[in-house]
Each structure stands twice: as structure tokens, then as C-alpha cells.
Amino acid sequence: MNTPTSKKPMSANSFELFKKQAQERVEREKAMKQQEDYRKVMKEKEERERIRMENERKREQEEEDALEKARLATLQTDMQAQKEAEKNRAEREKERRKEQERRRRQAMSTKLI
């Protein structure tokens, strides 16, 4: 006996099922959106970290380059100072020999007289 009253519970049951499926779909979409947002946030975080590390490596390289440049400049200055000192020693030695030769000649000239 299919009376309209007996179909009503079935209709209500179908509506409840439809409502439940719609709610589940909304929850799945919400969960997917949250996952998508989480992935986006993590990707942005990874990108910021990558950029930070790249900048840090670049800064460290610049520091190393500056230290190397300073070391080379110091080394060059030291070498120039050593060359200058050697040149001065050679000049003094030359002057000492000239003076020694002058005195020897002077002594020889006094002996000859």
C-alpha cells in the first residue's frame, strides 16, 4: 500500500542522505582547501629559507673575498717594504765599499808620498 504517507519517510530519508552527502562534500572541499593552503605556506617558507641561505652564502663569499683582498694587500705591502729595505741595504753596502775604497786609496797615497 503505497500511500503518500508511506513515501514521505522515504523522501525524508533521501533528503537526509542528500544533505549528508552535501555536508561530506563541503568538508572534503574544506579539507582540500586547507591542504592546499598548507602546501602553499610551506612552499613560501621553503622559498624564503632558500633565499636566506643563498644570501648568507653570498655574504660569506663577499667576506672571504674581502679578507683575501686585505691579505693580498698586506702581503704586497710587506713585499714592497722588504724590497725597499733590501734596496736600502744594498745602497748602504755600496756607499760603505766606496768609502772603504776611498780610504784605501787615501792610505795608499799617503804611503807613496
N, C-alpha and C. Protein backbone atom coordinates (compact mmCIF):
# COMPACT_ATOMS: atom_id res chain seq x y z
N MET A 1 0.80 -1.15 0.00
CA MET A 1 0.00 0.00 0.00
C MET A 1 0.86 1.24 0.00
N ASN A 2 0.91 1.71 -1.12
CA ASN A 2 1.71 2.90 -1.28
C ASN A 2 0.83 4.13 -1.16
N THR A 3 0.84 4.63 -0.04
CA THR A 3 0.09 5.86 0.19
C THR A 3 1.09 6.99 0.28
N PRO A 4 0.64 8.20 0.12
CA PRO A 4 1.57 9.32 0.19
C PRO A 4 2.27 9.40 1.54
N THR A 5 1.67 8.94 2.55
CA THR A 5 2.31 9.00 3.86
C THR A 5 3.45 8.00 3.94
N SER A 6 3.37 6.88 3.27
CA SER A 6 4.46 5.92 3.32
C SER A 6 5.64 6.39 2.47
N LYS A 7 5.42 7.22 1.49
CA LYS A 7 6.51 7.75 0.66
C LYS A 7 7.21 8.91 1.35
N LYS A 8 6.56 9.54 2.24
CA LYS A 8 7.15 10.69 2.91
C LYS A 8 8.39 10.29 3.71
N PRO A 9 8.35 9.24 4.47
CA PRO A 9 9.57 8.85 5.18
C PRO A 9 10.70 8.52 4.21
N MET A 10 10.40 7.89 3.11
CA MET A 10 11.43 7.58 2.14
C MET A 10 11.98 8.88 1.54
N SER A 11 11.15 9.81 1.29
CA SER A 11 11.54 11.10 0.77
C SER A 11 12.40 11.85 1.79
N ALA A 12 11.99 11.80 3.03
CA ALA A 12 12.77 12.44 4.10
C ALA A 12 14.11 11.76 4.22
N ASN A 13 14.12 10.45 4.09
CA ASN A 13 15.36 9.68 4.17
C ASN A 13 16.29 10.08 3.02
N SER A 14 15.74 10.22 1.82
CA SER A 14 16.53 10.64 0.66
C SER A 14 17.09 12.04 0.88
N PHE A 15 16.28 12.89 1.41
CA PHE A 15 16.75 14.25 1.68
C PHE A 15 17.87 14.24 2.70
N GLU A 16 17.72 13.45 3.75
CA GLU A 16 18.77 13.35 4.77
C GLU A 16 20.06 12.82 4.15
N LEU A 17 19.95 11.82 3.28
CA LEU A 17 21.11 11.27 2.60
C LEU A 17 21.76 12.33 1.72
N PHE A 18 20.93 13.05 0.96
CA PHE A 18 21.45 14.13 0.12
C PHE A 18 22.16 15.19 0.96
N LYS A 19 21.52 15.54 2.06
CA LYS A 19 22.08 16.55 2.97
C LYS A 19 23.42 16.06 3.54
N LYS A 20 23.47 14.80 3.92
CA LYS A 20 24.71 14.22 4.47
C LYS A 20 25.81 14.22 3.42
N GLN A 21 25.49 13.84 2.19
CA GLN A 21 26.48 13.82 1.11
C GLN A 21 26.99 15.22 0.80
N ALA A 22 26.08 16.18 0.82
CA ALA A 22 26.47 17.57 0.57
C ALA A 22 27.41 18.06 1.67
N GLN A 23 27.09 17.71 2.90
CA GLN A 23 27.94 18.11 4.03
C GLN A 23 29.32 17.46 3.91
N GLU A 24 29.37 16.20 3.54
CA GLU A 24 30.64 15.49 3.38
C GLU A 24 31.46 16.14 2.26
N ARG A 25 30.77 16.48 1.16
CA ARG A 25 31.44 17.15 0.05
C ARG A 25 32.03 18.48 0.51
N VAL A 26 31.28 19.25 1.27
CA VAL A 26 31.75 20.54 1.79
C VAL A 26 32.97 20.32 2.67
N GLU A 27 32.91 19.30 3.53
CA GLU A 27 34.02 19.01 4.43
C GLU A 27 35.26 18.57 3.65
N ARG A 28 35.06 17.74 2.60
CA ARG A 28 36.19 17.32 1.75
C ARG A 28 36.82 18.53 1.06
N GLU A 29 35.96 19.40 0.50
CA GLU A 29 36.46 20.60 -0.16
C GLU A 29 37.21 21.49 0.82
N LYS A 30 36.66 21.61 2.03
CA LYS A 30 37.32 22.41 3.06
C LYS A 30 38.68 21.80 3.43
N ALA A 31 38.72 20.48 3.58
CA ALA A 31 39.98 19.79 3.90
C ALA A 31 40.98 19.97 2.77
N MET A 32 40.53 19.86 1.52
CA MET A 32 41.41 20.04 0.37
C MET A 32 41.95 21.47 0.32
N LYS A 33 41.07 22.42 0.61
CA LYS A 33 41.49 23.83 0.63
C LYS A 33 42.54 24.06 1.72
N GLN A 34 42.34 23.45 2.89
CA GLN A 34 43.30 23.58 3.98
C GLN A 34 44.64 22.96 3.58
N GLN A 35 44.60 21.80 2.94
CA GLN A 35 45.83 21.16 2.49
C GLN A 35 46.54 22.03 1.47
N GLU A 36 45.75 22.57 0.54
CA GLU A 36 46.31 23.44 -0.48
C GLU A 36 46.96 24.67 0.15
N ASP A 37 46.26 25.27 1.10
CA ASP A 37 46.80 26.44 1.80
C ASP A 37 48.07 26.07 2.56
N TYR A 38 48.06 24.91 3.21
CA TYR A 38 49.24 24.45 3.96
C TYR A 38 50.43 24.26 3.02
N ARG A 39 50.17 23.59 1.88
CA ARG A 39 51.24 23.39 0.89
C ARG A 39 51.79 24.73 0.39
N LYS A 40 50.89 25.68 0.16
CA LYS A 40 51.30 27.00 -0.32
C LYS A 40 52.17 27.69 0.73
N VAL A 41 51.75 27.64 1.98
CA VAL A 41 52.51 28.26 3.07
C VAL A 41 53.89 27.60 3.19
N MET A 42 53.92 26.27 3.12
CA MET A 42 55.20 25.55 3.23
C MET A 42 56.12 25.87 2.05
N LYS A 43 55.54 25.96 0.87
CA LYS A 43 56.34 26.29 -0.31
C LYS A 43 56.92 27.69 -0.16
N GLU A 44 56.13 28.65 0.30
CA GLU A 44 56.62 30.01 0.52
C GLU A 44 57.71 30.02 1.58
N LYS A 45 57.51 29.23 2.65
CA LYS A 45 58.51 29.14 3.71
C LYS A 45 59.82 28.57 3.18
N GLU A 46 59.72 27.51 2.38
CA GLU A 46 60.91 26.90 1.77
C GLU A 46 61.62 27.89 0.86
N GLU A 47 60.86 28.66 0.10
CA GLU A 47 61.44 29.66 -0.80
C GLU A 47 62.17 30.75 -0.01
N ARG A 48 61.54 31.21 1.08
CA ARG A 48 62.20 32.22 1.93
C ARG A 48 63.49 31.66 2.52
N GLU A 49 63.44 30.42 2.95
CA GLU A 49 64.63 29.77 3.53
C GLU A 49 65.73 29.62 2.47
N ARG A 50 65.33 29.24 1.26
CA ARG A 50 66.30 29.11 0.17
C ARG A 50 66.97 30.45 -0.12
N ILE A 51 66.16 31.50 -0.17
CA ILE A 51 66.69 32.84 -0.44
C ILE A 51 67.60 33.29 0.70
N ARG A 52 67.20 32.99 1.94
CA ARG A 52 68.02 33.37 3.09
C ARG A 52 69.38 32.66 3.03
N MET A 53 69.35 31.37 2.72
CA MET A 53 70.60 30.61 2.63
C MET A 53 71.47 31.13 1.49
N GLU A 54 70.85 31.45 0.38
CA GLU A 54 71.59 31.98 -0.77
C GLU A 54 72.24 33.31 -0.40
N ASN A 55 71.48 34.19 0.27
CA ASN A 55 72.03 35.47 0.70
C ASN A 55 73.16 35.28 1.71
N GLU A 56 72.99 34.32 2.60
CA GLU A 56 74.04 34.05 3.59
C GLU A 56 75.31 33.55 2.90
N ARG A 57 75.15 32.64 1.95
CA ARG A 57 76.33 32.16 1.20
C ARG A 57 77.00 33.31 0.45
N LYS A 58 76.18 34.16 -0.14
CA LYS A 58 76.73 35.30 -0.88
C LYS A 58 77.50 36.23 0.07
N ARG A 59 76.91 36.50 1.25
CA ARG A 59 77.57 37.38 2.23
C ARG A 59 78.88 36.75 2.70
N GLU A 60 78.86 35.45 2.98
CA GLU A 60 80.08 34.76 3.41
C GLU A 60 81.14 34.82 2.33
N GLN A 61 80.75 34.64 1.07
CA GLN A 61 81.70 34.71 -0.03
C GLN A 61 82.29 36.11 -0.14
N GLU A 62 81.44 37.13 0.02
CA GLU A 62 81.93 38.51 -0.04
C GLU A 62 82.91 38.77 1.10
N GLU A 63 82.62 38.24 2.29
CA GLU A 63 83.53 38.41 3.42
C GLU A 63 84.87 37.72 3.14
N GLU A 64 84.80 36.50 2.60
CA GLU A 64 86.03 35.78 2.27
C GLU A 64 86.83 36.54 1.21
N ASP A 65 86.13 37.06 0.21
CA ASP A 65 86.81 37.84 -0.83
C ASP A 65 87.48 39.07 -0.25
N ALA A 66 86.77 39.76 0.66
CA ALA A 66 87.34 40.96 1.28
C ALA A 66 88.57 40.60 2.13
N LEU A 67 88.47 39.50 2.88
CA LEU A 67 89.62 39.06 3.68
C LEU A 67 90.81 38.70 2.79
N GLU A 68 90.53 38.00 1.71
CA GLU A 68 91.60 37.61 0.78
C GLU A 68 92.23 38.86 0.15
N LYS A 69 91.40 39.82 -0.20
CA LYS A 69 91.91 41.06 -0.78
C LYS A 69 92.79 41.79 0.22
N ALA A 70 92.34 41.84 1.48
CA ALA A 70 93.13 42.51 2.52
C ALA A 70 94.44 41.76 2.75
N ARG A 71 94.37 40.42 2.75
CA ARG A 71 95.59 39.62 2.95
C ARG A 71 96.58 39.86 1.81
N LEU A 72 96.08 39.90 0.58
CA LEU A 72 96.95 40.14 -0.56
C LEU A 72 97.55 41.55 -0.51
N ALA A 73 96.74 42.52 -0.10
CA ALA A 73 97.24 43.90 0.02
C ALA A 73 98.34 43.97 1.07
N THR A 74 98.13 43.28 2.20
CA THR A 74 99.13 43.26 3.26
C THR A 74 100.40 42.57 2.78
N LEU A 75 100.22 41.47 2.09
CA LEU A 75 101.36 40.72 1.56
C LEU A 75 102.14 41.59 0.57
N GLN A 76 101.42 42.28 -0.29
CA GLN A 76 102.06 43.15 -1.28
C GLN A 76 102.81 44.28 -0.58
N THR A 77 102.20 44.87 0.44
CA THR A 77 102.85 45.94 1.19
C THR A 77 104.11 45.41 1.87
N ASP A 78 104.01 44.22 2.46
CA ASP A 78 105.18 43.62 3.11
C ASP A 78 106.29 43.36 2.11
N MET A 79 105.93 42.86 0.92
CA MET A 79 106.94 42.60 -0.11
C MET A 79 107.60 43.89 -0.56
N GLN A 80 106.79 44.94 -0.70
CA GLN A 80 107.36 46.23 -1.11
C GLN A 80 108.31 46.76 -0.03
N ALA A 81 107.91 46.59 1.23
CA ALA A 81 108.76 47.04 2.33
C ALA A 81 110.07 46.24 2.35
N GLN A 82 109.98 44.94 2.10
CA GLN A 82 111.19 44.12 2.05
C GLN A 82 112.10 44.54 0.90
N LYS A 83 111.51 44.79 -0.26
CA LYS A 83 112.30 45.24 -1.41
C LYS A 83 112.98 46.57 -1.12
N GLU A 84 112.22 47.48 -0.49
CA GLU A 84 112.77 48.79 -0.14
C GLU A 84 113.91 48.63 0.87
N ALA A 85 113.72 47.76 1.86
CA ALA A 85 114.76 47.52 2.86
C ALA A 85 116.00 46.91 2.21
N GLU A 86 115.79 45.96 1.30
CA GLU A 86 116.92 45.35 0.59
C GLU A 86 117.64 46.37 -0.28
N LYS A 87 116.88 47.22 -0.93
CA LYS A 87 117.46 48.27 -1.76
C LYS A 87 118.30 49.21 -0.88
N ASN A 88 117.74 49.57 0.30
CA ASN A 88 118.49 50.45 1.22
C ASN A 88 119.77 49.77 1.71
N ARG A 89 119.70 48.48 2.03
CA ARG A 89 120.89 47.74 2.47
C ARG A 89 121.94 47.72 1.37
N ALA A 90 121.48 47.45 0.14
CA ALA A 90 122.41 47.41 -0.99
C ALA A 90 123.05 48.78 -1.20
N GLU A 91 122.26 49.82 -1.07
CA GLU A 91 122.79 51.20 -1.23
C GLU A 91 123.81 51.51 -0.14
N ARG A 92 123.50 51.13 1.11
CA ARG A 92 124.47 51.34 2.21
C ARG A 92 125.75 50.55 1.99
N GLU A 93 125.59 49.30 1.50
CA GLU A 93 126.77 48.48 1.23
C GLU A 93 127.62 49.11 0.14
N LYS A 94 126.96 49.63 -0.87
CA LYS A 94 127.67 50.29 -1.97
C LYS A 94 128.42 51.52 -1.45
N GLU A 95 127.73 52.31 -0.62
CA GLU A 95 128.36 53.50 -0.04
C GLU A 95 129.51 53.11 0.89
N ARG A 96 129.35 52.02 1.65
CA ARG A 96 130.42 51.55 2.55
C ARG A 96 131.65 51.13 1.73
N ARG A 97 131.43 50.43 0.65
CA ARG A 97 132.55 49.99 -0.20
C ARG A 97 133.26 51.19 -0.85
N LYS A 98 132.42 52.16 -1.29
CA LYS A 98 133.03 53.37 -1.88
C LYS A 98 133.91 54.07 -0.85
N GLU A 99 133.39 54.19 0.38
CA GLU A 99 134.14 54.85 1.45
C GLU A 99 135.39 54.04 1.79
N GLN A 100 135.26 52.72 1.80
CA GLN A 100 136.40 51.85 2.10
C GLN A 100 137.47 52.00 1.01
N GLU A 101 136.99 52.05 -0.24
CA GLU A 101 137.94 52.23 -1.37
C GLU A 101 138.60 53.59 -1.30
N ARG A 102 137.80 54.62 -0.94
CA ARG A 102 138.39 55.98 -0.82
C ARG A 102 139.46 55.99 0.27
N ARG A 103 139.19 55.36 1.40
CA ARG A 103 140.17 55.34 2.49
C ARG A 103 141.41 54.54 2.10
N ARG A 104 141.18 53.45 1.39
CA ARG A 104 142.33 52.65 0.95
C ARG A 104 143.21 53.45 0.01
N ARG A 105 142.57 54.16 -0.91
CA ARG A 105 143.35 55.00 -1.85
C ARG A 105 144.07 56.12 -1.11
N GLN A 106 143.36 56.69 -0.13
CA GLN A 106 143.98 57.76 0.64
C GLN A 106 145.18 57.22 1.41
N ALA A 107 145.01 56.02 1.97
CA ALA A 107 146.12 55.44 2.73
C ALA A 107 147.27 55.11 1.78
N MET A 108 146.95 54.64 0.59
CA MET A 108 147.99 54.32 -0.38
C MET A 108 148.70 55.59 -0.84
N SER A 109 147.92 56.64 -1.00
CA SER A 109 148.54 57.89 -1.47
C SER A 109 149.44 58.46 -0.39
N THR A 110 149.10 58.31 0.88
CA THR A 110 149.98 58.81 1.94
C THR A 110 151.23 57.93 2.06
N LYS A 111 151.13 56.69 1.75
CA LYS A 111 152.29 55.81 1.81
C LYS A 111 153.24 56.11 0.66
N LEU A 112 152.70 56.51 -0.45
CA LEU A 112 153.52 56.80 -1.61
C LEU A 112 154.26 58.12 -1.45
N ILE A 113 153.76 58.96 -0.65
CA ILE A 113 154.38 60.27 -0.50
C ILE A 113 155.55 60.19 0.42
